[in-house]
Amino acid sequence: MAQNPASFNFHVPLPDGGVLLGASPELLLRKEGDHYSSLPLAGSARRQPDDVLDREAGNRLLASEKDRHEHELVTQVDEADAGAAQPTVNPTADTATGEHANPVAPRDPD
């Protein structure tokens, strides 16, 4: 988290009483009421301190057939995982959002 203070942090209780803590530049899944959103990432490049170099790195990602294909695959998985939802998915957008068709309550871990 110190390396990327803008990361999305998560906390998952484990069945054995342990806890999984993590940080990711990806928003894996956010639930707010019956609304879900995901910010999948595919391909990456280290941010550059110089604006020109940073734009060049971003343009290389956009021009990369491999990275664009990975983004398409991630978006397809997001669409498939949203099967119980009514998603609004745009493969060229930054975020996929939707509302769950049948709201669910969290499961009791016991």
C-alpha atoms as a PDB file:
ATOM      1  CA  MET A   1       0.000   0.000   0.000  1.00  0.00           C
ATOM      2  CA  ALA A   2       2.942   2.297   0.588  1.00  0.00           C
ATOM      3  CA  GLN A   3       3.999   1.821  -3.058  1.00  0.00           C
ATOM      4  CA  ASN A   4       0.549   2.680  -4.383  1.00  0.00           C
ATOM      5  CA  PRO A   5      -1.561   4.734  -1.978  1.00  0.00           C
ATOM      6  CA  ALA A   6      -4.353   4.895  -4.589  1.00  0.00           C
ATOM      7  CA  SER A   7      -4.720   1.104  -4.550  1.00  0.00           C
ATOM      8  CA  PHE A   8      -7.968  -0.682  -3.809  1.00  0.00           C
ATOM      9  CA  ASN A   9      -7.526  -2.554  -0.526  1.00  0.00           C
ATOM     10  CA  PHE A  10      -9.330  -5.705   0.488  1.00  0.00           C
ATOM     11  CA  HIS A  11      -9.829  -7.788   3.603  1.00  0.00           C
ATOM     12  CA  VAL A  12     -11.162 -11.345   3.420  1.00  0.00           C
ATOM     13  CA  PRO A  13     -11.759 -13.421   6.572  1.00  0.00           C
ATOM     14  CA  LEU A  14     -10.600 -17.021   6.074  1.00  0.00           C
ATOM     15  CA  PRO A  15     -12.355 -20.132   7.448  1.00  0.00           C
ATOM     16  CA  ASP A  16      -9.395 -20.943   9.727  1.00  0.00           C
ATOM     17  CA  GLY A  17      -9.692 -17.558  11.455  1.00  0.00           C
ATOM     18  CA  GLY A  18      -6.917 -15.965   9.430  1.00  0.00           C
ATOM     19  CA  VAL A  19      -7.312 -12.935   7.237  1.00  0.00           C
ATOM     20  CA  LEU A  20      -6.253 -12.273   3.669  1.00  0.00           C
ATOM     21  CA  LEU A  21      -5.193  -8.657   3.173  1.00  0.00           C
ATOM     22  CA  GLY A  22      -4.304  -7.226  -0.185  1.00  0.00           C
ATOM     23  CA  ALA A  23      -4.000  -4.178  -2.355  1.00  0.00           C
ATOM     24  CA  SER A  24      -4.512  -3.976  -6.090  1.00  0.00           C
ATOM     25  CA  PRO A  25      -4.618  -1.279  -8.741  1.00  0.00           C
ATOM     26  CA  GLU A  26      -7.734  -3.136  -9.978  1.00  0.00           C
ATOM     27  CA  LEU A  27     -11.146  -2.669  -8.468  1.00  0.00           C
ATOM     28  CA  LEU A  28     -12.062  -6.351  -8.452  1.00  0.00           C
ATOM     29  CA  LEU A  29     -15.623  -5.835  -7.248  1.00  0.00           C
ATOM     30  CA  ARG A  30     -17.442  -3.092  -5.354  1.00  0.00           C
ATOM     31  CA  LYS A  31     -20.942  -3.618  -3.952  1.00  0.00           C
ATOM     32  CA  GLU A  32     -23.019  -0.627  -2.909  1.00  0.00           C
ATOM     33  CA  GLY A  33     -26.566  -1.712  -2.103  1.00  0.00           C
ATOM     34  CA  ASP A  34     -27.723  -3.734  -5.121  1.00  0.00           C
ATOM     35  CA  HIS A  35     -25.194  -2.023  -7.399  1.00  0.00           C
ATOM     36  CA  TYR A  36     -21.958  -3.726  -8.429  1.00  0.00           C
ATOM     37  CA  SER A  37     -18.985  -2.253 -10.254  1.00  0.00           C
ATOM     38  CA  SER A  38     -15.663  -3.582 -11.447  1.00  0.00           C
ATOM     39  CA  LEU A  39     -12.609  -1.890 -12.884  1.00  0.00           C
ATOM     40  CA  PRO A  40     -10.679  -4.702 -14.558  1.00  0.00           C
ATOM     41  CA  LEU A  41      -7.187  -4.014 -15.811  1.00  0.00           C
ATOM     42  CA  ALA A  42      -5.165  -5.814 -18.416  1.00  0.00           C
ATOM     43  CA  GLY A  43      -1.680  -4.847 -19.372  1.00  0.00           C
ATOM     44  CA  SER A  44       0.314  -2.502 -17.250  1.00  0.00           C
ATOM     45  CA  ALA A  45       3.099   0.008 -17.385  1.00  0.00           C
ATOM     46  CA  ARG A  46       4.873   1.812 -14.602  1.00  0.00           C
ATOM     47  CA  ARG A  47       3.702   5.415 -14.264  1.00  0.00           C
ATOM     48  CA  GLN A  48       6.358   7.905 -15.299  1.00  0.00           C
ATOM     49  CA  PRO A  49       7.148  11.100 -13.395  1.00  0.00           C
ATOM     50  CA  ASP A  50       7.297  13.065 -16.657  1.00  0.00           C
ATOM     51  CA  ASP A  51       3.953  13.727 -18.425  1.00  0.00           C
ATOM     52  CA  VAL A  52       5.393  13.128 -21.904  1.00  0.00           C
ATOM     53  CA  LEU A  53       6.970   9.792 -20.915  1.00  0.00           C
ATOM     54  CA  ASP A  54       3.778   8.815 -19.086  1.00  0.00           C
ATOM     55  CA  ARG A  55       1.652   9.475 -22.206  1.00  0.00           C
ATOM     56  CA  GLU A  56       4.144   7.518 -24.334  1.00  0.00           C
ATOM     57  CA  ALA A  57       3.855   4.529 -21.975  1.00  0.00           C
ATOM     58  CA  GLY A  58       0.054   4.750 -22.174  1.00  0.00           C
ATOM     59  CA  ASN A  59       0.137   4.967 -25.956  1.00  0.00           C
ATOM     60  CA  ARG A  60       2.357   1.870 -26.109  1.00  0.00           C
ATOM     61  CA  LEU A  61      -0.255   0.001 -24.075  1.00  0.00           C
ATOM     62  CA  LEU A  62      -3.058   1.169 -26.364  1.00  0.00           C
ATOM     63  CA  ALA A  63      -1.043   0.140 -29.424  1.00  0.00           C
ATOM     64  CA  SER A  64      -0.224  -3.302 -28.004  1.00  0.00           C
ATOM     65  CA  GLU A  65      -2.344  -5.995 -29.632  1.00  0.00           C
ATOM     66  CA  LYS A  66      -1.512  -8.335 -26.731  1.00  0.00           C
ATOM     67  CA  ASP A  67      -2.643  -5.867 -24.051  1.00  0.00           C
ATOM     68  CA  ARG A  68      -5.827  -4.913 -25.941  1.00  0.00           C
ATOM     69  CA  HIS A  69      -6.634  -8.637 -26.348  1.00  0.00           C
ATOM     70  CA  GLU A  70      -6.109  -9.178 -22.592  1.00  0.00           C
ATOM     71  CA  HIS A  71      -8.461  -6.264 -21.852  1.00  0.00           C
ATOM     72  CA  GLU A  72     -11.086  -7.810 -24.128  1.00  0.00           C
ATOM     73  CA  LEU A  73     -10.736 -11.167 -22.328  1.00  0.00           C
ATOM     74  CA  VAL A  74     -11.044  -9.524 -18.911  1.00  0.00           C
ATOM     75  CA  THR A  75     -14.157  -7.694 -20.090  1.00  0.00           C
ATOM     76  CA  GLN A  76     -15.668 -10.951 -21.389  1.00  0.00           C
ATOM     77  CA  VAL A  77     -15.043 -12.617 -18.022  1.00  0.00           C
ATOM     78  CA  ASP A  78     -16.648  -9.634 -16.307  1.00  0.00           C
ATOM     79  CA  GLU A  79     -19.699  -9.990 -18.576  1.00  0.00           C
ATOM     80  CA  ALA A  80     -19.930 -13.737 -17.878  1.00  0.00           C
ATOM     81  CA  ASP A  81     -19.555 -13.233 -14.115  1.00  0.00           C
ATOM     82  CA  ALA A  82     -22.372 -10.702 -14.230  1.00  0.00           C
ATOM     83  CA  GLY A  83     -24.758 -13.427 -15.404  1.00  0.00           C
ATOM     84  CA  ALA A  84     -27.091 -12.874 -12.446  1.00  0.00           C
ATOM     85  CA  ALA A  85     -26.856  -9.135 -12.897  1.00  0.00           C
ATOM     86  CA  GLN A  86     -28.181  -6.665 -15.399  1.00  0.00           C
ATOM     87  CA  PRO A  87     -24.816  -5.288 -16.460  1.00  0.00           C
ATOM     88  CA  THR A  88     -23.910  -2.250 -18.432  1.00  0.00           C
ATOM     89  CA  VAL A  89     -20.685  -3.386 -20.061  1.00  0.00           C
ATOM     90  CA  ASN A  90     -18.676  -1.525 -22.656  1.00  0.00           C
ATOM     91  CA  PRO A  91     -15.392  -3.221 -23.650  1.00  0.00           C
ATOM     92  CA  THR A  92     -13.789   0.141 -24.362  1.00  0.00           C
ATOM     93  CA  ALA A  93     -14.959   1.746 -21.117  1.00  0.00           C
ATOM     94  CA  ASP A  94     -12.943   1.887 -17.936  1.00  0.00           C
ATOM     95  CA  THR A  95     -15.639   0.485 -15.647  1.00  0.00           C
ATOM     96  CA  ALA A  96     -18.356  -2.169 -15.862  1.00  0.00           C
ATOM     97  CA  THR A  97     -21.404  -1.583 -13.667  1.00  0.00           C
ATOM     98  CA  GLY A  98     -24.732  -3.271 -13.065  1.00  0.00           C
ATOM     99  CA  GLU A  99     -27.464  -4.027 -10.575  1.00  0.00           C
ATOM    100  CA  HIS A 100     -28.017  -7.519  -9.262  1.00  0.00           C
ATOM    101  CA  ALA A 101     -31.291  -8.916 -10.605  1.00  0.00           C
ATOM    102  CA  ASN A 102     -31.942 -10.861  -7.382  1.00  0.00           C
ATOM    103  CA  PRO A 103     -30.378  -9.087  -4.389  1.00  0.00           C
ATOM    104  CA  VAL A 104     -28.447 -11.444  -2.134  1.00  0.00           C
ATOM    105  CA  ALA A 105     -27.347 -11.265   1.464  1.00  0.00           C
ATOM    106  CA  PRO A 106     -23.802 -12.186   2.520  1.00  0.00           C
ATOM    107  CA  ARG A 107     -23.342 -15.773   3.614  1.00  0.00           C
ATOM    108  CA  ASP A 108     -22.605 -16.529   7.240  1.00  0.00           C
ATOM    109  CA  PRO A 109     -19.035 -17.930   7.323  1.00  0.00           C
ATOM    110  CA  ASP A 110     -20.025 -20.560   9.926  1.00  0.00           C
END
